[in-house]
């Protein structure tokens, strides 16, 4: 991470603080709030089998996340968060209707914004 990135991340708070704000937006079903916390070139890889679907950039990620944010019955619960420098690993449970899945996200935070969110689920 460059010195400029380190300074920007420090100004925004730790990587875990950035991801915590992101999680609050997910909990509130606040898509614009979540998108405000990702970088212009953010990479998101979904849990779709077999290798996940890759979306890059705010527009593509907004389209990928819209169905989740648009479902008021869905709920995302963080079970554990582990910070390692500019990376955060997060264990979670996602509930909808009468179903649920558990999984892990691997985040990278650059210049105070999420630059990568890779999602994995238990199969």
N, C-alpha and C. Protein backbone atom coordinates (compact mmCIF):
# COMPACT_ATOMS: atom_id res chain seq x y z
N UNK A 1 0.85 -1.17 0.00
CA UNK A 1 0.00 0.00 0.00
C UNK A 1 0.90 1.22 0.00
N UNK A 2 0.57 2.20 -0.85
CA UNK A 2 1.38 3.41 -0.93
C UNK A 2 1.18 4.27 0.31
N UNK A 3 2.08 5.22 0.51
CA UNK A 3 1.95 6.14 1.64
C UNK A 3 0.65 6.93 1.56
N UNK A 4 0.27 7.37 0.35
CA UNK A 4 -0.99 8.11 0.18
C UNK A 4 -2.18 7.23 0.57
N UNK A 5 -2.16 5.95 0.17
CA UNK A 5 -3.23 5.03 0.54
C UNK A 5 -3.28 4.84 2.05
N UNK A 6 -2.11 4.71 2.68
CA UNK A 6 -2.05 4.54 4.13
C UNK A 6 -2.64 5.76 4.83
N UNK A 7 -2.30 6.95 4.36
CA UNK A 7 -2.82 8.17 4.97
C UNK A 7 -4.34 8.28 4.78
N UNK A 8 -4.83 7.94 3.60
CA UNK A 8 -6.27 8.00 3.35
C UNK A 8 -7.02 6.99 4.20
N UNK A 9 -6.46 5.78 4.34
CA UNK A 9 -7.09 4.77 5.17
C UNK A 9 -7.07 5.20 6.63
N UNK A 10 -5.96 5.76 7.09
CA UNK A 10 -5.88 6.23 8.47
C UNK A 10 -6.92 7.32 8.73
N UNK A 11 -7.11 8.21 7.76
CA UNK A 11 -8.10 9.28 7.92
C UNK A 11 -9.52 8.70 7.99
N UNK A 12 -9.77 7.63 7.26
CA UNK A 12 -11.10 7.01 7.24
C UNK A 12 -11.28 6.05 8.40
N UNK A 13 -10.21 5.71 9.09
CA UNK A 13 -10.25 4.71 10.15
C UNK A 13 -9.61 3.42 9.67
N UNK A 14 -9.51 2.46 10.55
CA UNK A 14 -8.90 1.18 10.20
C UNK A 14 -9.72 0.47 9.13
N UNK A 15 -9.12 -0.54 8.54
CA UNK A 15 -9.85 -1.35 7.56
C UNK A 15 -11.11 -1.92 8.20
N UNK A 16 -11.00 -2.38 9.44
CA UNK A 16 -12.17 -2.94 10.14
C UNK A 16 -13.24 -1.87 10.34
N UNK A 17 -12.84 -0.62 10.59
CA UNK A 17 -13.82 0.46 10.77
C UNK A 17 -14.56 0.72 9.47
N UNK A 18 -13.85 0.71 8.35
CA UNK A 18 -14.48 0.92 7.04
C UNK A 18 -15.47 -0.21 6.77
N UNK A 19 -15.06 -1.45 7.01
CA UNK A 19 -15.94 -2.60 6.78
C UNK A 19 -17.12 -2.57 7.74
N UNK A 20 -16.93 -2.12 8.96
CA UNK A 20 -18.04 -2.01 9.92
C UNK A 20 -19.09 -1.00 9.42
N UNK A 21 -18.64 0.12 8.86
CA UNK A 21 -19.59 1.09 8.30
C UNK A 21 -20.33 0.47 7.10
N UNK A 22 -19.60 -0.29 6.31
CA UNK A 22 -20.19 -1.00 5.17
C UNK A 22 -21.25 -1.99 5.66
N UNK A 23 -20.94 -2.73 6.72
CA UNK A 23 -21.89 -3.69 7.28
C UNK A 23 -23.15 -2.99 7.78
N UNK A 24 -22.99 -1.82 8.37
CA UNK A 24 -24.15 -1.06 8.86
C UNK A 24 -25.06 -0.68 7.69
N UNK A 25 -24.47 -0.33 6.55
CA UNK A 25 -25.27 -0.01 5.37
C UNK A 25 -26.02 -1.25 4.88
N UNK A 26 -25.35 -2.42 4.88
CA UNK A 26 -26.03 -3.67 4.49
C UNK A 26 -27.20 -3.94 5.42
N UNK A 27 -26.98 -3.80 6.72
CA UNK A 27 -28.03 -4.08 7.70
C UNK A 27 -29.23 -3.16 7.49
N UNK A 28 -28.97 -1.92 7.12
CA UNK A 28 -30.04 -0.94 6.89
C UNK A 28 -30.64 -1.04 5.48
N UNK A 29 -30.15 -1.97 4.65
CA UNK A 29 -30.58 -2.09 3.25
C UNK A 29 -30.37 -0.77 2.52
N UNK A 30 -29.25 -0.12 2.82
CA UNK A 30 -28.90 1.19 2.27
C UNK A 30 -27.88 1.00 1.15
N UNK A 31 -28.36 0.71 -0.05
CA UNK A 31 -27.46 0.47 -1.18
C UNK A 31 -26.59 1.68 -1.48
N UNK A 32 -27.13 2.91 -1.56
CA UNK A 32 -26.25 4.06 -1.81
C UNK A 32 -25.18 4.21 -0.72
N UNK A 33 -25.53 3.92 0.52
CA UNK A 33 -24.56 4.00 1.61
C UNK A 33 -23.44 2.99 1.45
N UNK A 34 -23.77 1.77 1.04
CA UNK A 34 -22.76 0.74 0.82
C UNK A 34 -21.87 1.10 -0.36
N UNK A 35 -22.50 1.57 -1.44
CA UNK A 35 -21.73 1.93 -2.63
C UNK A 35 -20.79 3.10 -2.37
N UNK A 36 -21.15 3.99 -1.45
CA UNK A 36 -20.28 5.13 -1.12
C UNK A 36 -18.99 4.67 -0.44
N UNK A 37 -18.97 3.44 0.05
CA UNK A 37 -17.80 2.93 0.76
C UNK A 37 -16.92 2.03 -0.10
N UNK A 38 -17.25 1.91 -1.39
CA UNK A 38 -16.39 1.11 -2.28
C UNK A 38 -15.69 2.03 -3.27
N UNK A 39 -14.54 1.57 -3.74
CA UNK A 39 -13.76 2.34 -4.71
C UNK A 39 -14.40 2.25 -6.09
N UNK A 40 -14.06 3.21 -6.95
CA UNK A 40 -14.58 3.24 -8.32
C UNK A 40 -14.27 1.94 -9.07
N UNK A 41 -13.11 1.33 -8.77
CA UNK A 41 -12.68 0.12 -9.47
C UNK A 41 -12.80 -1.14 -8.60
N UNK A 42 -13.67 -1.08 -7.59
CA UNK A 42 -13.85 -2.20 -6.68
C UNK A 42 -14.19 -3.48 -7.45
N UNK A 43 -13.70 -4.60 -6.95
CA UNK A 43 -14.00 -5.91 -7.51
C UNK A 43 -14.83 -6.67 -6.49
N UNK A 44 -15.97 -7.20 -6.94
CA UNK A 44 -16.82 -8.04 -6.10
C UNK A 44 -16.96 -9.38 -6.79
N UNK A 45 -16.70 -10.45 -6.06
CA UNK A 45 -16.95 -11.80 -6.56
C UNK A 45 -18.02 -12.42 -5.68
N UNK A 46 -19.14 -12.77 -6.30
CA UNK A 46 -20.28 -13.34 -5.57
C UNK A 46 -20.02 -14.81 -5.23
N UNK A 47 -20.99 -15.39 -4.57
CA UNK A 47 -20.89 -16.79 -4.17
C UNK A 47 -21.47 -17.74 -5.20
N UNK A 48 -21.90 -17.24 -6.36
CA UNK A 48 -22.50 -18.09 -7.38
C UNK A 48 -21.56 -19.21 -7.80
N UNK A 49 -22.04 -20.46 -7.80
CA UNK A 49 -21.19 -21.58 -8.20
C UNK A 49 -20.90 -21.53 -9.69
N UNK A 50 -19.79 -22.09 -10.16
CA UNK A 50 -18.79 -22.76 -9.34
C UNK A 50 -17.69 -21.82 -8.85
N UNK A 51 -17.48 -20.69 -9.53
CA UNK A 51 -16.35 -19.81 -9.19
C UNK A 51 -16.76 -18.41 -8.78
N UNK A 52 -18.04 -18.15 -8.64
CA UNK A 52 -18.50 -16.81 -8.32
C UNK A 52 -18.62 -15.97 -9.58
N UNK A 53 -19.50 -14.99 -9.53
CA UNK A 53 -19.65 -14.06 -10.64
C UNK A 53 -18.90 -12.79 -10.27
N UNK A 54 -18.05 -12.31 -11.18
CA UNK A 54 -17.20 -11.15 -10.92
C UNK A 54 -17.86 -9.88 -11.46
N UNK A 55 -17.95 -8.86 -10.61
CA UNK A 55 -18.45 -7.54 -11.01
C UNK A 55 -17.37 -6.53 -10.66
N UNK A 56 -17.11 -5.60 -11.56
CA UNK A 56 -16.09 -4.59 -11.34
C UNK A 56 -16.68 -3.21 -11.57
N UNK A 57 -16.47 -2.32 -10.61
CA UNK A 57 -16.95 -0.96 -10.71
C UNK A 57 -18.31 -0.78 -10.04
N UNK A 58 -18.60 0.46 -9.70
CA UNK A 58 -19.78 0.78 -8.90
C UNK A 58 -21.08 0.38 -9.61
N UNK A 59 -21.22 0.67 -10.90
CA UNK A 59 -22.45 0.34 -11.62
C UNK A 59 -22.72 -1.15 -11.65
N UNK A 60 -21.71 -1.93 -11.98
CA UNK A 60 -21.88 -3.38 -12.07
C UNK A 60 -22.17 -3.97 -10.69
N UNK A 61 -21.50 -3.46 -9.67
CA UNK A 61 -21.71 -3.97 -8.31
C UNK A 61 -23.11 -3.57 -7.82
N UNK A 62 -23.55 -2.36 -8.12
CA UNK A 62 -24.90 -1.94 -7.74
C UNK A 62 -25.94 -2.89 -8.33
N UNK A 63 -25.77 -3.26 -9.58
CA UNK A 63 -26.71 -4.19 -10.23
C UNK A 63 -26.67 -5.56 -9.56
N UNK A 64 -25.48 -6.02 -9.18
CA UNK A 64 -25.35 -7.32 -8.53
C UNK A 64 -25.98 -7.33 -7.14
N UNK A 65 -25.87 -6.23 -6.42
CA UNK A 65 -26.36 -6.16 -5.04
C UNK A 65 -27.83 -5.77 -4.95
N UNK A 66 -28.40 -5.16 -5.97
CA UNK A 66 -29.78 -4.65 -5.90
C UNK A 66 -30.78 -5.69 -5.39
N UNK A 67 -30.77 -6.94 -5.88
CA UNK A 67 -31.76 -7.90 -5.39
C UNK A 67 -31.65 -8.16 -3.88
N UNK A 68 -30.44 -8.15 -3.35
CA UNK A 68 -30.25 -8.38 -1.92
C UNK A 68 -30.77 -7.19 -1.12
N UNK A 69 -30.36 -6.00 -1.51
CA UNK A 69 -30.77 -4.79 -0.81
C UNK A 69 -32.27 -4.54 -0.96
N UNK A 70 -32.85 -4.99 -2.07
CA UNK A 70 -34.27 -4.80 -2.32
C UNK A 70 -35.17 -5.76 -1.58
N UNK A 71 -34.61 -6.75 -0.91
CA UNK A 71 -35.40 -7.74 -0.17
C UNK A 71 -35.40 -7.38 1.31
N UNK A 72 -36.46 -6.72 1.80
CA UNK A 72 -36.48 -6.28 3.20
C UNK A 72 -36.51 -7.43 4.20
N UNK A 73 -36.85 -8.64 3.76
CA UNK A 73 -36.88 -9.78 4.67
C UNK A 73 -35.50 -10.40 4.87
N UNK A 74 -34.54 -10.02 4.04
CA UNK A 74 -33.20 -10.61 4.17
C UNK A 74 -32.43 -9.94 5.29
N UNK A 75 -31.50 -10.70 5.86
CA UNK A 75 -30.73 -10.19 7.00
C UNK A 75 -29.31 -10.76 6.94
N UNK A 76 -28.35 -9.90 7.10
CA UNK A 76 -26.93 -10.24 7.09
C UNK A 76 -26.39 -10.06 8.51
N UNK A 77 -25.80 -11.10 9.08
CA UNK A 77 -25.28 -11.04 10.45
C UNK A 77 -23.80 -11.39 10.44
N UNK A 78 -22.95 -10.50 10.96
CA UNK A 78 -21.52 -10.77 11.08
C UNK A 78 -21.31 -11.66 12.30
N UNK A 79 -20.62 -12.78 12.10
CA UNK A 79 -20.32 -13.69 13.20
C UNK A 79 -18.95 -13.41 13.80
N UNK A 80 -18.01 -13.02 12.96
CA UNK A 80 -16.66 -12.71 13.43
C UNK A 80 -15.94 -11.89 12.37
N UNK A 81 -15.09 -10.97 12.83
CA UNK A 81 -14.31 -10.13 11.93
C UNK A 81 -12.85 -10.20 12.36
N UNK A 82 -11.97 -10.43 11.39
CA UNK A 82 -10.53 -10.52 11.66
C UNK A 82 -9.83 -9.52 10.75
N UNK A 83 -9.07 -8.60 11.36
CA UNK A 83 -8.36 -7.57 10.59
C UNK A 83 -6.89 -7.93 10.51
N UNK A 84 -6.33 -7.76 9.32
CA UNK A 84 -4.90 -7.99 9.09
C UNK A 84 -4.41 -6.90 8.14
N UNK A 85 -3.91 -5.81 8.71
CA UNK A 85 -3.46 -4.69 7.88
C UNK A 85 -4.62 -4.09 7.12
N UNK A 86 -4.51 -4.06 5.78
CA UNK A 86 -5.59 -3.48 4.97
C UNK A 86 -6.59 -4.53 4.50
N UNK A 87 -6.53 -5.73 5.11
CA UNK A 87 -7.48 -6.79 4.78
C UNK A 87 -8.37 -7.11 5.98
N UNK A 88 -9.59 -7.49 5.68
CA UNK A 88 -10.53 -7.94 6.70
C UNK A 88 -11.15 -9.24 6.20
N UNK A 89 -11.15 -10.25 7.08
CA UNK A 89 -11.84 -11.50 6.81
C UNK A 89 -13.05 -11.53 7.73
N UNK A 90 -14.20 -11.81 7.16
CA UNK A 90 -15.43 -11.73 7.93
C UNK A 90 -16.26 -13.00 7.75
N UNK A 91 -16.61 -13.64 8.84
CA UNK A 91 -17.52 -14.78 8.82
C UNK A 91 -18.93 -14.23 9.02
N UNK A 92 -19.90 -14.75 8.25
CA UNK A 92 -21.24 -14.19 8.29
C UNK A 92 -22.30 -15.25 8.09
N UNK A 93 -23.54 -14.84 8.40
CA UNK A 93 -24.73 -15.64 8.12
C UNK A 93 -25.70 -14.71 7.39
N UNK A 94 -26.28 -15.22 6.31
CA UNK A 94 -27.25 -14.46 5.53
C UNK A 94 -28.58 -15.21 5.58
N UNK A 95 -29.63 -14.56 6.09
CA UNK A 95 -30.96 -15.16 6.22
C UNK A 95 -31.94 -14.48 5.27
N UNK A 96 -32.85 -15.27 4.72
CA UNK A 96 -33.94 -14.76 3.90
C UNK A 96 -35.12 -15.71 4.10
N UNK A 97 -36.31 -15.19 4.11
CA UNK A 97 -37.50 -16.04 4.25
C UNK A 97 -37.28 -17.14 5.26
N UNK A 98 -37.35 -18.40 4.79
CA UNK A 98 -37.13 -19.53 5.69
C UNK A 98 -35.79 -20.23 5.42
N UNK A 99 -34.84 -19.53 4.78
CA UNK A 99 -33.55 -20.14 4.49
C UNK A 99 -32.39 -19.30 5.00
N UNK A 100 -31.22 -19.90 4.96
CA UNK A 100 -30.00 -19.17 5.31
C UNK A 100 -28.78 -19.87 4.72
N UNK A 101 -27.68 -19.11 4.62
CA UNK A 101 -26.37 -19.66 4.28
C UNK A 101 -25.35 -19.00 5.20
N UNK A 102 -24.21 -19.67 5.34
CA UNK A 102 -23.11 -19.09 6.10
C UNK A 102 -21.92 -19.01 5.16
N UNK A 103 -21.08 -18.00 5.37
CA UNK A 103 -19.95 -17.82 4.48
C UNK A 103 -18.88 -16.92 5.04
N UNK A 104 -17.97 -16.56 4.17
CA UNK A 104 -16.81 -15.74 4.50
C UNK A 104 -16.63 -14.72 3.39
N UNK A 105 -16.31 -13.48 3.78
CA UNK A 105 -15.90 -12.45 2.83
C UNK A 105 -14.45 -12.09 3.12
N UNK A 106 -13.71 -11.83 2.07
CA UNK A 106 -12.34 -11.32 2.20
C UNK A 106 -12.36 -9.93 1.55
N UNK A 107 -12.11 -8.92 2.38
CA UNK A 107 -12.12 -7.53 1.93
C UNK A 107 -10.69 -7.00 1.82
N UNK A 108 -10.46 -6.11 0.87
CA UNK A 108 -9.25 -5.28 0.84
C UNK A 108 -9.74 -3.84 0.92
N UNK A 109 -9.05 -3.04 1.72
CA UNK A 109 -9.40 -1.63 1.87
C UNK A 109 -8.20 -0.81 1.41
N UNK A 110 -8.44 0.09 0.46
CA UNK A 110 -7.40 0.93 -0.11
C UNK A 110 -7.87 2.38 -0.07
N UNK A 111 -7.05 3.24 0.48
CA UNK A 111 -7.37 4.68 0.55
C UNK A 111 -8.73 4.92 1.20
N UNK A 112 -9.03 4.14 2.24
CA UNK A 112 -10.25 4.35 3.00
C UNK A 112 -11.52 3.82 2.37
N UNK A 113 -11.39 3.07 1.26
CA UNK A 113 -12.56 2.49 0.60
C UNK A 113 -12.33 1.00 0.35
N UNK A 114 -13.41 0.26 0.28
CA UNK A 114 -13.31 -1.17 -0.03
C UNK A 114 -12.97 -1.29 -1.50
N UNK A 115 -11.86 -1.97 -1.78
CA UNK A 115 -11.42 -2.14 -3.16
C UNK A 115 -11.63 -3.57 -3.67
N UNK A 116 -11.97 -4.48 -2.74
CA UNK A 116 -12.21 -5.86 -3.12
C UNK A 116 -13.09 -6.53 -2.07
N UNK A 117 -14.08 -7.28 -2.54
CA UNK A 117 -14.94 -8.07 -1.66
C UNK A 117 -15.14 -9.40 -2.35
N UNK A 118 -14.45 -10.41 -1.85
CA UNK A 118 -14.55 -11.76 -2.40
C UNK A 118 -15.39 -12.60 -1.44
N UNK A 119 -16.47 -13.19 -1.92
CA UNK A 119 -17.41 -13.92 -1.08
C UNK A 119 -17.35 -15.42 -1.33
N UNK A 120 -17.42 -16.19 -0.25
CA UNK A 120 -17.39 -17.66 -0.30
C UNK A 120 -18.46 -18.19 0.63
N UNK A 121 -19.10 -19.32 0.27
CA UNK A 121 -20.12 -19.92 1.14
C UNK A 121 -19.81 -21.39 1.41
N UNK A 122 -20.41 -21.86 2.51
CA UNK A 122 -20.35 -23.29 2.83
C UNK A 122 -21.27 -23.99 1.84
N UNK A 123 -20.84 -25.10 1.29
CA UNK A 123 -21.62 -25.77 0.27
C UNK A 123 -22.34 -26.98 0.72
